[in-house]
PDB file of N, CA and C in Angstrom:
ATOM      1  N   MET A   1       0.851  -1.169   0.000  1.00  0.00           N
ATOM      2  CA  MET A   1       0.000   0.000   0.000  1.00  0.00           C
ATOM      3  C   MET A   1       0.900   1.237   0.000  1.00  0.00           C
ATOM      4  N   SER A   2       0.527   2.206  -0.788  1.00  0.00           N
ATOM      5  CA  SER A   2       1.350   3.405  -0.895  1.00  0.00           C
ATOM      6  C   SER A   2       1.241   4.246   0.377  1.00  0.00           C
ATOM      7  N   GLU A   3       2.249   5.075   0.566  1.00  0.00           N
ATOM      8  CA  GLU A   3       2.271   5.925   1.752  1.00  0.00           C
ATOM      9  C   GLU A   3       1.118   6.922   1.740  1.00  0.00           C
ATOM     10  N   SER A   4       0.791   7.457   0.581  1.00  0.00           N
ATOM     11  CA  SER A   4      -0.314   8.419   0.505  1.00  0.00           C
ATOM     12  C   SER A   4      -1.644   7.735   0.814  1.00  0.00           C
ATOM     13  N   ARG A   5      -1.795   6.476   0.375  1.00  0.00           N
ATOM     14  CA  ARG A   5      -3.026   5.723   0.678  1.00  0.00           C
ATOM     15  C   ARG A   5      -3.125   5.446   2.174  1.00  0.00           C
ATOM     16  N   GLN A   6      -1.992   5.141   2.805  1.00  0.00           N
ATOM     17  CA  GLN A   6      -1.983   4.923   4.251  1.00  0.00           C
ATOM     18  C   GLN A   6      -2.385   6.190   4.996  1.00  0.00           C
ATOM     19  N   ARG A   7      -1.870   7.329   4.548  1.00  0.00           N
ATOM     20  CA  ARG A   7      -2.242   8.607   5.172  1.00  0.00           C
ATOM     21  C   ARG A   7      -3.727   8.879   5.007  1.00  0.00           C
ATOM     22  N   GLU A   8      -4.268   8.589   3.835  1.00  0.00           N
ATOM     23  CA  GLU A   8      -5.707   8.780   3.600  1.00  0.00           C
ATOM     24  C   GLU A   8      -6.526   7.901   4.545  1.00  0.00           C
ATOM     25  N   GLN A   9      -6.092   6.653   4.699  1.00  0.00           N
ATOM     26  CA  GLN A   9      -6.818   5.752   5.594  1.00  0.00           C
ATOM     27  C   GLN A   9      -6.727   6.232   7.044  1.00  0.00           C
ATOM     28  N   TRP A  10      -5.557   6.699   7.439  1.00  0.00           N
ATOM     29  CA  TRP A  10      -5.380   7.178   8.806  1.00  0.00           C
ATOM     30  C   TRP A  10      -6.245   8.418   9.046  1.00  0.00           C
ATOM     31  N   THR A  11      -6.303   9.300   8.077  1.00  0.00           N
ATOM     32  CA  THR A  11      -7.149  10.487   8.190  1.00  0.00           C
ATOM     33  C   THR A  11      -8.617  10.093   8.319  1.00  0.00           C
ATOM     34  N   ALA A  12      -9.050   9.152   7.513  1.00  0.00           N
ATOM     35  CA  ALA A  12     -10.433   8.676   7.594  1.00  0.00           C
ATOM     36  C   ALA A  12     -10.695   8.031   8.954  1.00  0.00           C
ATOM     37  N   HIS A  13      -9.746   7.281   9.442  1.00  0.00           N
ATOM     38  CA  HIS A  13      -9.881   6.637  10.755  1.00  0.00           C
ATOM     39  C   HIS A  13     -10.033   7.684  11.854  1.00  0.00           C
ATOM     40  N   LEU A  14      -9.191   8.714  11.834  1.00  0.00           N
ATOM     41  CA  LEU A  14      -9.274   9.763  12.853  1.00  0.00           C
ATOM     42  C   LEU A  14     -10.608  10.497  12.785  1.00  0.00           C
ATOM     43  N   LYS A  15     -11.102  10.734  11.582  1.00  0.00           N
ATOM     44  CA  LYS A  15     -12.414  11.385  11.431  1.00  0.00           C
ATOM     45  C   LYS A  15     -13.522  10.495  11.977  1.00  0.00           C
ATOM     46  N   ASP A  16     -13.446   9.185  11.703  1.00  0.00           N
ATOM     47  CA  ASP A  16     -14.436   8.244  12.228  1.00  0.00           C
ATOM     48  C   ASP A  16     -14.435   8.235  13.749  1.00  0.00           C
ATOM     49  N   GLU A  17     -13.241   8.222  14.336  1.00  0.00           N
ATOM     50  CA  GLU A  17     -13.148   8.210  15.795  1.00  0.00           C
ATOM     51  C   GLU A  17     -13.690   9.495  16.398  1.00  0.00           C
ATOM     52  N   ALA A  18     -13.381  10.618  15.781  1.00  0.00           N
ATOM     53  CA  ALA A  18     -13.892  11.898  16.280  1.00  0.00           C
ATOM     54  C   ALA A  18     -15.415  11.926  16.212  1.00  0.00           C
ATOM     55  N   SER A  19     -15.958  11.421  15.132  1.00  0.00           N
ATOM     56  CA  SER A  19     -17.413  11.353  14.976  1.00  0.00           C
ATOM     57  C   SER A  19     -18.030  10.438  16.039  1.00  0.00           C
ATOM     58  N   ALA A  20     -17.396   9.300  16.271  1.00  0.00           N
ATOM     59  CA  ALA A  20     -17.904   8.363  17.284  1.00  0.00           C
ATOM     60  C   ALA A  20     -17.858   8.991  18.663  1.00  0.00           C
ATOM     61  N   ARG A  21     -16.798   9.735  18.978  1.00  0.00           N
ATOM     62  CA  ARG A  21     -16.715  10.403  20.287  1.00  0.00           C
ATOM     63  C   ARG A  21     -17.822  11.437  20.452  1.00  0.00           C
ATOM     64  N   LEU A  22     -18.099  12.164  19.397  1.00  0.00           N
ATOM     65  CA  LEU A  22     -19.177  13.159  19.458  1.00  0.00           C
ATOM     66  C   LEU A  22     -20.526  12.474  19.704  1.00  0.00           C
ATOM     67  N   GLU A  23     -20.757  11.346  19.036  1.00  0.00           N
ATOM     68  CA  GLU A  23     -21.995  10.595  19.242  1.00  0.00           C
ATOM     69  C   GLU A  23     -22.090  10.066  20.672  1.00  0.00           C
ATOM     70  N   GLN A  24     -20.985   9.555  21.197  1.00  0.00           N
ATOM     71  CA  GLN A  24     -20.975   9.060  22.577  1.00  0.00           C
ATOM     72  C   GLN A  24     -21.271  10.188  23.552  1.00  0.00           C
ATOM     73  N   GLN A  25     -20.663  11.330  23.339  1.00  0.00           N
ATOM     74  CA  GLN A  25     -20.876  12.472  24.223  1.00  0.00           C
ATOM     75  C   GLN A  25     -22.336  12.905  24.186  1.00  0.00           C
ATOM     76  N   ALA A  26     -22.920  12.941  23.000  1.00  0.00           N
ATOM     77  CA  ALA A  26     -24.326  13.326  22.879  1.00  0.00           C
ATOM     78  C   ALA A  26     -25.223  12.309  23.572  1.00  0.00           C
ATOM     79  N   ALA A  27     -24.918  11.033  23.428  1.00  0.00           N
ATOM     80  CA  ALA A  27     -25.723   9.982  24.054  1.00  0.00           C
ATOM     81  C   ALA A  27     -25.583  10.000  25.566  1.00  0.00           C
ATOM     82  N   ALA A  28     -24.433  10.440  26.080  1.00  0.00           N
ATOM     83  CA  ALA A  28     -24.200  10.461  27.527  1.00  0.00           C
ATOM     84  C   ALA A  28     -24.994  11.561  28.208  1.00  0.00           C
ATOM     85  N   GLY A  29     -25.412  12.553  27.474  1.00  0.00           N
ATOM     86  CA  GLY A  29     -26.220  13.620  28.050  1.00  0.00           C
ATOM     87  C   GLY A  29     -25.411  14.879  28.309  1.00  0.00           C
ATOM     88  N   PRO A  30     -26.111  15.978  28.579  1.00  0.00           N
ATOM     89  CA  PRO A  30     -25.438  17.272  28.712  1.00  0.00           C
ATOM     90  C   PRO A  30     -24.585  17.397  29.975  1.00  0.00           C
ATOM     91  N   ASP A  31     -24.852  16.610  30.993  1.00  0.00           N
ATOM     92  CA  ASP A  31     -24.091  16.720  32.243  1.00  0.00           C
ATOM     93  C   ASP A  31     -22.793  15.930  32.227  1.00  0.00           C
ATOM     94  N   HIS A  32     -22.621  15.056  31.236  1.00  0.00           N
ATOM     95  CA  HIS A  32     -21.428  14.211  31.187  1.00  0.00           C
ATOM     96  C   HIS A  32     -20.253  15.001  30.646  1.00  0.00           C
ATOM     97  N   ARG A  33     -19.115  14.829  31.306  1.00  0.00           N
ATOM     98  CA  ARG A  33     -17.870  15.426  30.828  1.00  0.00           C
ATOM     99  C   ARG A  33     -16.794  14.348  30.853  1.00  0.00           C
ATOM    100  N   PRO A  34     -15.964  14.266  29.840  1.00  0.00           N
ATOM    101  CA  PRO A  34     -14.859  13.308  29.868  1.00  0.00           C
ATOM    102  C   PRO A  34     -13.939  13.595  31.053  1.00  0.00           C
ATOM    103  N   VAL A  35     -13.395  12.561  31.630  1.00  0.00           N
ATOM    104  CA  VAL A  35     -12.493  12.710  32.758  1.00  0.00           C
ATOM    105  C   VAL A  35     -11.071  12.743  32.239  1.00  0.00           C
ATOM    106  N   ALA A  36     -10.362  13.773  32.614  1.00  0.00           N
ATOM    107  CA  ALA A  36      -8.974  13.899  32.174  1.00  0.00           C
ATOM    108  C   ALA A  36      -8.067  13.205  33.177  1.00  0.00           C
ATOM    109  N   GLY A  37      -6.948  12.781  32.715  1.00  0.00           N
ATOM    110  CA  GLY A  37      -5.984  12.174  33.617  1.00  0.00           C
ATOM    111  C   GLY A  37      -5.211  11.083  32.925  1.00  0.00           C
ATOM    112  N   PRO A  38      -4.234  10.529  33.637  1.00  0.00           N
ATOM    113  CA  PRO A  38      -3.422   9.484  33.021  1.00  0.00           C
ATOM    114  C   PRO A  38      -4.214   8.202  32.846  1.00  0.00           C
ATOM    115  N   LEU A  39      -3.780   7.400  31.927  1.00  0.00           N
ATOM    116  CA  LEU A  39      -4.408   6.103  31.723  1.00  0.00           C
ATOM    117  C   LEU A  39      -4.222   5.261  32.977  1.00  0.00           C
ATOM    118  N   PRO A  40      -5.195   4.468  33.337  1.00  0.00           N
ATOM    119  CA  PRO A  40      -5.076   3.700  34.580  1.00  0.00           C
ATOM    120  C   PRO A  40      -4.022   2.597  34.517  1.00  0.00           C
ATOM    121  N   PHE A  41      -3.662   2.164  33.339  1.00  0.00           N
ATOM    122  CA  PHE A  41      -2.723   1.060  33.234  1.00  0.00           C
ATOM    123  C   PHE A  41      -1.581   1.416  32.294  1.00  0.00           C
ATOM    124  N   SER A  42      -0.819   2.433  32.661  1.00  0.00           N
ATOM    125  CA  SER A  42       0.344   2.793  31.861  1.00  0.00           C
ATOM    126  C   SER A  42       1.458   1.798  32.147  1.00  0.00           C
ATOM    127  N   ALA A  43       2.484   1.863  31.360  1.00  0.00           N
ATOM    128  CA  ALA A  43       3.602   0.928  31.532  1.00  0.00           C
ATOM    129  C   ALA A  43       4.207   1.044  32.923  1.00  0.00           C
ATOM    130  N   GLU A  44       4.191   2.260  33.499  1.00  0.00           N
ATOM    131  CA  GLU A  44       4.821   2.478  34.797  1.00  0.00           C
ATOM    132  C   GLU A  44       4.051   1.820  35.938  1.00  0.00           C
ATOM    133  N   ASN A  45       2.722   1.758  35.829  1.00  0.00           N
ATOM    134  CA  ASN A  45       1.970   1.245  36.976  1.00  0.00           C
ATOM    135  C   ASN A  45       1.163  -0.012  36.678  1.00  0.00           C
ATOM    136  N   LEU A  46       1.449  -0.659  35.570  1.00  0.00           N
ATOM    137  CA  LEU A  46       0.691  -1.860  35.223  1.00  0.00           C
ATOM    138  C   LEU A  46       0.861  -2.948  36.281  1.00  0.00           C
ATOM    139  N   GLU A  47       2.088  -3.172  36.719  1.00  0.00           N
ATOM    140  CA  GLU A  47       2.324  -4.211  37.728  1.00  0.00           C
ATOM    141  C   GLU A  47       1.618  -3.864  39.036  1.00  0.00           C
ATOM    142  N   GLN A  48       1.699  -2.620  39.449  1.00  0.00           N
ATOM    143  CA  GLN A  48       1.040  -2.194  40.690  1.00  0.00           C
ATOM    144  C   GLN A  48      -0.482  -2.314  40.559  1.00  0.00           C
ATOM    145  N   ALA A  49      -1.043  -1.911  39.428  1.00  0.00           N
ATOM    146  CA  ALA A  49      -2.486  -2.001  39.223  1.00  0.00           C
ATOM    147  C   ALA A  49      -2.940  -3.453  39.206  1.00  0.00           C
ATOM    148  N   THR A  50      -2.144  -4.317  38.599  1.00  0.00           N
ATOM    149  CA  THR A  50      -2.484  -5.742  38.556  1.00  0.00           C
ATOM    150  C   THR A  50      -2.452  -6.338  39.958  1.00  0.00           C
ATOM    151  N   ARG A  51      -1.392  -6.042  40.711  1.00  0.00           N
ATOM    152  CA  ARG A  51      -1.279  -6.548  42.084  1.00  0.00           C
ATOM    153  C   ARG A  51      -2.450  -6.057  42.942  1.00  0.00           C
ATOM    154  N   SER A  52      -2.797  -4.794  42.783  1.00  0.00           N
ATOM    155  CA  SER A  52      -3.910  -4.236  43.549  1.00  0.00           C
ATOM    156  C   SER A  52      -5.223  -4.929  43.201  1.00  0.00           C
ATOM    157  N   ALA A  53      -5.454  -5.175  41.924  1.00  0.00           N
ATOM    158  CA  ALA A  53      -6.685  -5.858  41.498  1.00  0.00           C
ATOM    159  C   ALA A  53      -6.736  -7.278  42.055  1.00  0.00           C
ATOM    160  N   ILE A  54      -5.611  -7.958  42.050  1.00  0.00           N
ATOM    161  CA  ILE A  54      -5.560  -9.326  42.579  1.00  0.00           C
ATOM    162  C   ILE A  54      -5.855  -9.315  44.074  1.00  0.00           C
ATOM    163  N   LEU A  55      -5.230  -8.398  44.809  1.00  0.00           N
ATOM    164  CA  LEU A  55      -5.454  -8.326  46.254  1.00  0.00           C
ATOM    165  C   LEU A  55      -6.910  -7.978  46.580  1.00  0.00           C
ATOM    166  N   GLN A  56      -7.485  -7.077  45.810  1.00  0.00           N
ATOM    167  CA  GLN A  56      -8.890  -6.719  46.024  1.00  0.00           C
ATOM    168  C   GLN A  56      -9.802  -7.915  45.773  1.00  0.00           C
ATOM    169  N   GLU A  57      -9.517  -8.677  44.733  1.00  0.00           N
ATOM    170  CA  GLU A  57     -10.344  -9.844  44.424  1.00  0.00           C
ATOM    171  C   GLU A  57     -10.165 -10.926  45.486  1.00  0.00           C
ATOM    172  N   ARG A  58      -8.942 -11.115  45.950  1.00  0.00           N
ATOM    173  CA  ARG A  58      -8.722 -12.083  47.034  1.00  0.00           C
ATOM    174  C   ARG A  58      -9.497 -11.680  48.279  1.00  0.00           C
ATOM    175  N   ASP A  59      -9.438 -10.391  48.611  1.00  0.00           N
ATOM    176  CA  ASP A  59     -10.150  -9.919  49.795  1.00  0.00           C
ATOM    177  C   ASP A  59     -11.655 -10.097  49.634  1.00  0.00           C
ATOM    178  N   ARG A  60     -12.163  -9.809  48.443  1.00  0.00           N
ATOM    179  CA  ARG A  60     -13.594  -9.983  48.188  1.00  0.00           C
ATOM    180  C   ARG A  60     -13.996 -11.445  48.380  1.00  0.00           C
ATOM    181  N   CYS A  61     -13.221 -12.346  47.826  1.00  0.00           N
ATOM    182  CA  CYS A  61     -13.523 -13.776  47.951  1.00  0.00           C
ATOM    183  C   CYS A  61     -13.412 -14.232  49.404  1.00  0.00           C
ATOM    184  N   ALA A  62     -12.402 -13.750  50.119  1.00  0.00           N
ATOM    185  CA  ALA A  62     -12.235 -14.134  51.524  1.00  0.00           C
ATOM    186  C   ALA A  62     -13.397 -13.602  52.368  1.00  0.00           C
ATOM    187  N   ARG A  63     -13.866 -12.387  52.072  1.00  0.00           N
ATOM    188  CA  ARG A  63     -15.026 -11.854  52.806  1.00  0.00           C
ATOM    189  C   ARG A  63     -16.278 -12.677  52.521  1.00  0.00           C
ATOM    190  N   LEU A  64     -16.428 -13.138  51.286  1.00  0.00           N
ATOM    191  CA  LEU A  64     -17.558 -14.021  50.975  1.00  0.00           C
ATOM    192  C   LEU A  64     -17.470 -15.303  51.785  1.00  0.00           C
ATOM    193  N   ALA A  65     -16.284 -15.871  51.856  1.00  0.00           N
ATOM    194  CA  ALA A  65     -16.100 -17.091  52.658  1.00  0.00           C
ATOM    195  C   ALA A  65     -16.392 -16.801  54.128  1.00  0.00           C
ATOM    196  N   ASP A  66     -15.873 -15.683  54.640  1.00  0.00           N
ATOM    197  CA  ASP A  66     -16.119 -15.325  56.044  1.00  0.00           C
ATOM    198  C   ASP A  66     -17.599 -15.247  56.374  1.00  0.00           C
ATOM    199  N   ALA A  67     -18.387 -14.813  55.410  1.00  0.00           N
ATOM    200  CA  ALA A  67     -19.833 -14.694  55.645  1.00  0.00           C
ATOM    201  C   ALA A  67     -20.458 -16.051  55.944  1.00  0.00           C
ATOM    202  N   TRP A  68     -19.809 -17.122  55.475  1.00  0.00           N
ATOM    203  CA  TRP A  68     -20.329 -18.475  55.700  1.00  0.00           C
ATOM    204  C   TRP A  68     -19.840 -19.094  56.998  1.00  0.00           C
ATOM    205  N   THR A  69     -19.206 -18.295  57.848  1.00  0.00           N
ATOM    206  CA  THR A  69     -18.818 -18.786  59.176  1.00  0.00           C
ATOM    207  C   THR A  69     -19.836 -18.381  60.228  1.00  0.00           C
ATOM    208  N   ASP A  70     -20.795 -17.567  59.844  1.00  0.00           N
ATOM    209  CA  ASP A  70     -21.817 -17.095  60.773  1.00  0.00           C
ATOM    210  C   ASP A  70     -22.719 -18.259  61.224  1.00  0.00           C
ATOM    211  N   HIS A  71     -22.843 -18.419  62.537  1.00  0.00           N
ATOM    212  CA  HIS A  71     -23.602 -19.540  63.104  1.00  0.00           C
ATOM    213  C   HIS A  71     -25.050 -19.568  62.587  1.00  0.00           C
ATOM    214  N   ASP A  72     -25.727 -18.417  62.594  1.00  0.00           N
ATOM    215  CA  ASP A  72     -27.132 -18.378  62.161  1.00  0.00           C
ATOM    216  C   ASP A  72     -27.275 -18.724  60.680  1.00  0.00           C
ATOM    217  N   ARG A  73     -26.340 -18.275  59.885  1.00  0.00           N
ATOM    218  CA  ARG A  73     -26.393 -18.594  58.453  1.00  0.00           C
ATOM    219  C   ARG A  73     -26.193 -20.087  58.227  1.00  0.00           C
ATOM    220  N   LEU A  74     -25.233 -20.659  58.938  1.00  0.00           N
ATOM    221  CA  LEU A  74     -25.004 -22.099  58.798  1.00  0.00           C
ATOM    222  C   LEU A  74     -26.198 -22.893  59.310  1.00  0.00           C
ATOM    223  N   LEU A  75     -26.822 -22.417  60.367  1.00  0.00           N
ATOM    224  CA  LEU A  75     -28.011 -23.084  60.893  1.00  0.00           C
ATOM    225  C   LEU A  75     -29.139 -23.063  59.865  1.00  0.00           C
ATOM    226  N   GLU A  76     -29.254 -21.948  59.160  1.00  0.00           N
ATOM    227  CA  GLU A  76     -30.306 -21.814  58.139  1.00  0.00           C
ATOM    228  C   GLU A  76     -30.084 -22.774  56.972  1.00  0.00           C
ATOM    229  N   VAL A  77     -28.834 -22.914  56.509  1.00  0.00           N
ATOM    230  CA  VAL A  77     -28.582 -23.738  55.323  1.00  0.00           C
ATOM    231  C   VAL A  77     -28.231 -25.184  55.663  1.00  0.00           C
ATOM    232  N   LEU A  78     -27.849 -25.435  56.905  1.00  0.00           N
ATOM    233  CA  LEU A  78     -27.496 -26.796  57.332  1.00  0.00           C
ATOM    234  C   LEU A  78     -28.242 -27.157  58.620  1.00  0.00           C
ATOM    235  N   PRO A  79     -29.566 -27.138  58.568  1.00  0.00           N
ATOM    236  CA  PRO A  79     -30.331 -27.344  59.802  1.00  0.00           C
ATOM    237  C   PRO A  79     -30.190 -28.743  60.394  1.00  0.00           C
ATOM    238  N   ASP A  80     -29.831 -29.718  59.588  1.00  0.00           N
ATOM    239  CA  ASP A  80     -29.744 -31.095  60.076  1.00  0.00           C
ATOM    240  C   ASP A  80     -28.421 -31.410  60.776  1.00  0.00           C
ATOM    241  N   LEU A  81     -27.470 -30.495  60.700  1.00  0.00           N
ATOM    242  CA  LEU A  81     -26.190 -30.735  61.362  1.00  0.00           C
ATOM    243  C   LEU A  81     -26.252 -30.325  62.831  1.00  0.00           C
ATOM    244  N   SER A  82     -25.419 -30.960  63.616  1.00  0.00           N
ATOM    245  CA  SER A  82     -25.319 -30.570  65.025  1.00  0.00           C
ATOM    246  C   SER A  82     -24.512 -29.277  65.129  1.00  0.00           C
ATOM    247  N   ASP A  83     -24.563 -28.624  66.296  1.00  0.00           N
ATOM    248  CA  ASP A  83     -23.768 -27.414  66.499  1.00  0.00           C
ATOM    249  C   ASP A  83     -22.281 -27.698  66.294  1.00  0.00           C
ATOM    250  N   GLU A  84     -21.838 -28.854  66.770  1.00  0.00           N
ATOM    251  CA  GLU A  84     -20.427 -29.209  66.620  1.00  0.00           C
ATOM    252  C   GLU A  84     -20.055 -29.364  65.143  1.00  0.00           C
ATOM    253  N   GLN A  85     -20.944 -29.948  64.361  1.00  0.00           N
ATOM    254  CA  GLN A  85     -20.678 -30.107  62.933  1.00  0.00           C
ATOM    255  C   GLN A  85     -20.648 -28.750  62.232  1.00  0.00           C
ATOM    256  N   ARG A  86     -21.592 -27.874  62.596  1.00  0.00           N
ATOM    257  CA  ARG A  86     -21.594 -26.532  62.005  1.00  0.00           C
ATOM    258  C   ARG A  86     -20.337 -25.770  62.421  1.00  0.00           C
ATOM    259  N   ASP A  87     -19.889 -25.955  63.661  1.00  0.00           N
ATOM    260  CA  ASP A  87     -18.644 -25.319  64.103  1.00  0.00           C
ATOM    261  C   ASP A  87     -17.462 -25.826  63.281  1.00  0.00           C
ATOM    262  N   ALA A  88     -17.471 -27.111  62.962  1.00  0.00           N
ATOM    263  CA  ALA A  88     -16.401 -27.681  62.130  1.00  0.00           C
ATOM    264  C   ALA A  88     -16.432 -27.071  60.732  1.00  0.00           C
ATOM    265  N   VAL A  89     -17.636 -26.891  60.183  1.00  0.00           N
ATOM    266  CA  VAL A  89     -17.771 -26.249  58.865  1.00  0.00           C
ATOM    267  C   VAL A  89     -17.215 -24.832  58.939  1.00  0.00           C
ATOM    268  N   ALA A  90     -17.589 -24.084  59.977  1.00  0.00           N
ATOM    269  CA  ALA A  90     -17.120 -22.706  60.130  1.00  0.00           C
ATOM    270  C   ALA A  90     -15.596 -22.662  60.249  1.00  0.00           C
ATOM    271  N   THR A  91     -15.028 -23.597  60.971  1.00  0.00           N
ATOM    272  CA  THR A  91     -13.570 -23.651  61.116  1.00  0.00           C
ATOM    273  C   THR A  91     -12.909 -23.898  59.759  1.00  0.00           C
ATOM    274  N   ALA A  92     -13.462 -24.829  59.004  1.00  0.00           N
ATOM    275  CA  ALA A  92     -12.916 -25.124  57.680  1.00  0.00           C
ATOM    276  C   ALA A  92     -13.033 -23.909  56.762  1.00  0.00           C
ATOM    277  N   VAL A  93     -14.159 -23.212  56.817  1.00  0.00           N
ATOM    278  CA  VAL A  93     -14.354 -22.040  55.952  1.00  0.00           C
ATOM    279  C   VAL A  93     -13.409 -20.909  56.364  1.00  0.00           C
ATOM    280  N   ARG A  94     -13.177 -20.734  57.679  1.00  0.00           N
ATOM    281  CA  ARG A  94     -12.213 -19.716  58.117  1.00  0.00           C
ATOM    282  C   ARG A  94     -10.812 -20.041  57.595  1.00  0.00           C
ATOM    283  N   ALA A  95     -10.458 -21.327  57.612  1.00  0.00           N
ATOM    284  CA  ALA A  95      -9.156 -21.738  57.073  1.00  0.00           C
ATOM    285  C   ALA A  95      -9.074 -21.453  55.572  1.00  0.00           C
ATOM    286  N   LEU A  96     -10.168 -21.701  54.871  1.00  0.00           N
ATOM    287  CA  LEU A  96     -10.218 -21.415  53.433  1.00  0.00           C
ATOM    288  C   LEU A  96     -10.047 -19.917  53.183  1.00  0.00           C
ATOM    289  N   ALA A  97     -10.741 -19.093  53.972  1.00  0.00           N
ATOM    290  CA  ALA A  97     -10.622 -17.641  53.815  1.00  0.00           C
ATOM    291  C   ALA A  97      -9.180 -17.195  54.057  1.00  0.00           C
ATOM    292  N   ALA A  98      -8.527 -17.786  55.060  1.00  0.00           N
ATOM    293  CA  ALA A  98      -7.130 -17.446  55.341  1.00  0.00           C
ATOM    294  C   ALA A  98      -6.228 -17.842  54.169  1.00  0.00           C
ATOM    295  N   GLU A  99      -6.478 -19.003  53.572  1.00  0.00           N
ATOM    296  CA  GLU A  99      -5.699 -19.432  52.409  1.00  0.00           C
ATOM    297  C   GLU A  99      -5.901 -18.484  51.235  1.00  0.00           C
ATOM    298  N   ILE A 100      -7.138 -18.054  51.040  1.00  0.00           N
ATOM    299  CA  ILE A 100      -7.420 -17.114  49.948  1.00  0.00           C
ATOM    300  C   ILE A 100      -6.636 -15.813  50.166  1.00  0.00           C
ATOM    301  N   ARG A 101      -6.684 -15.307  51.390  1.00  0.00           N
ATOM    302  CA  ARG A 101      -5.981 -14.048  51.676  1.00  0.00           C
ATOM    303  C   ARG A 101      -4.472 -14.210  51.494  1.00  0.00           C
ATOM    304  N   ALA A 102      -3.947 -15.366  51.873  1.00  0.00           N
ATOM    305  CA  ALA A 102      -2.507 -15.601  51.768  1.00  0.00           C
ATOM    306  C   ALA A 102      -2.049 -15.735  50.319  1.00  0.00           C
ATOM    307  N   GLY A 103      -2.972 -16.121  49.455  1.00  0.00           N
ATOM    308  CA  GLY A 103      -2.640 -16.237  48.043  1.00  0.00           C
ATOM    309  C   GLY A 103      -1.894 -17.506  47.756  1.00  0.00           C
TER     310      GLY A 103
END
């Protein structure tokens, strides 16, 4: 492909993108404004952002597990078990939550 043809295509692409942005802005409504600032995942902070996302997801999963250690909740979903059996389930779930947090 010739260089002039590539430039023409790039110009058309930029015009298409500008048009699409205008349409998005109009669809978002008059109160919407684009947020300025650095990209959330630049080369400098990609590793930090990834680590943070992983830690947040681990914490979310561990909190979900912790919710299943509640005696009343276990009684509701496991009514046929004895208190000792439900306590054993809660102990196992707490261990699972700790493993999740530890990664």
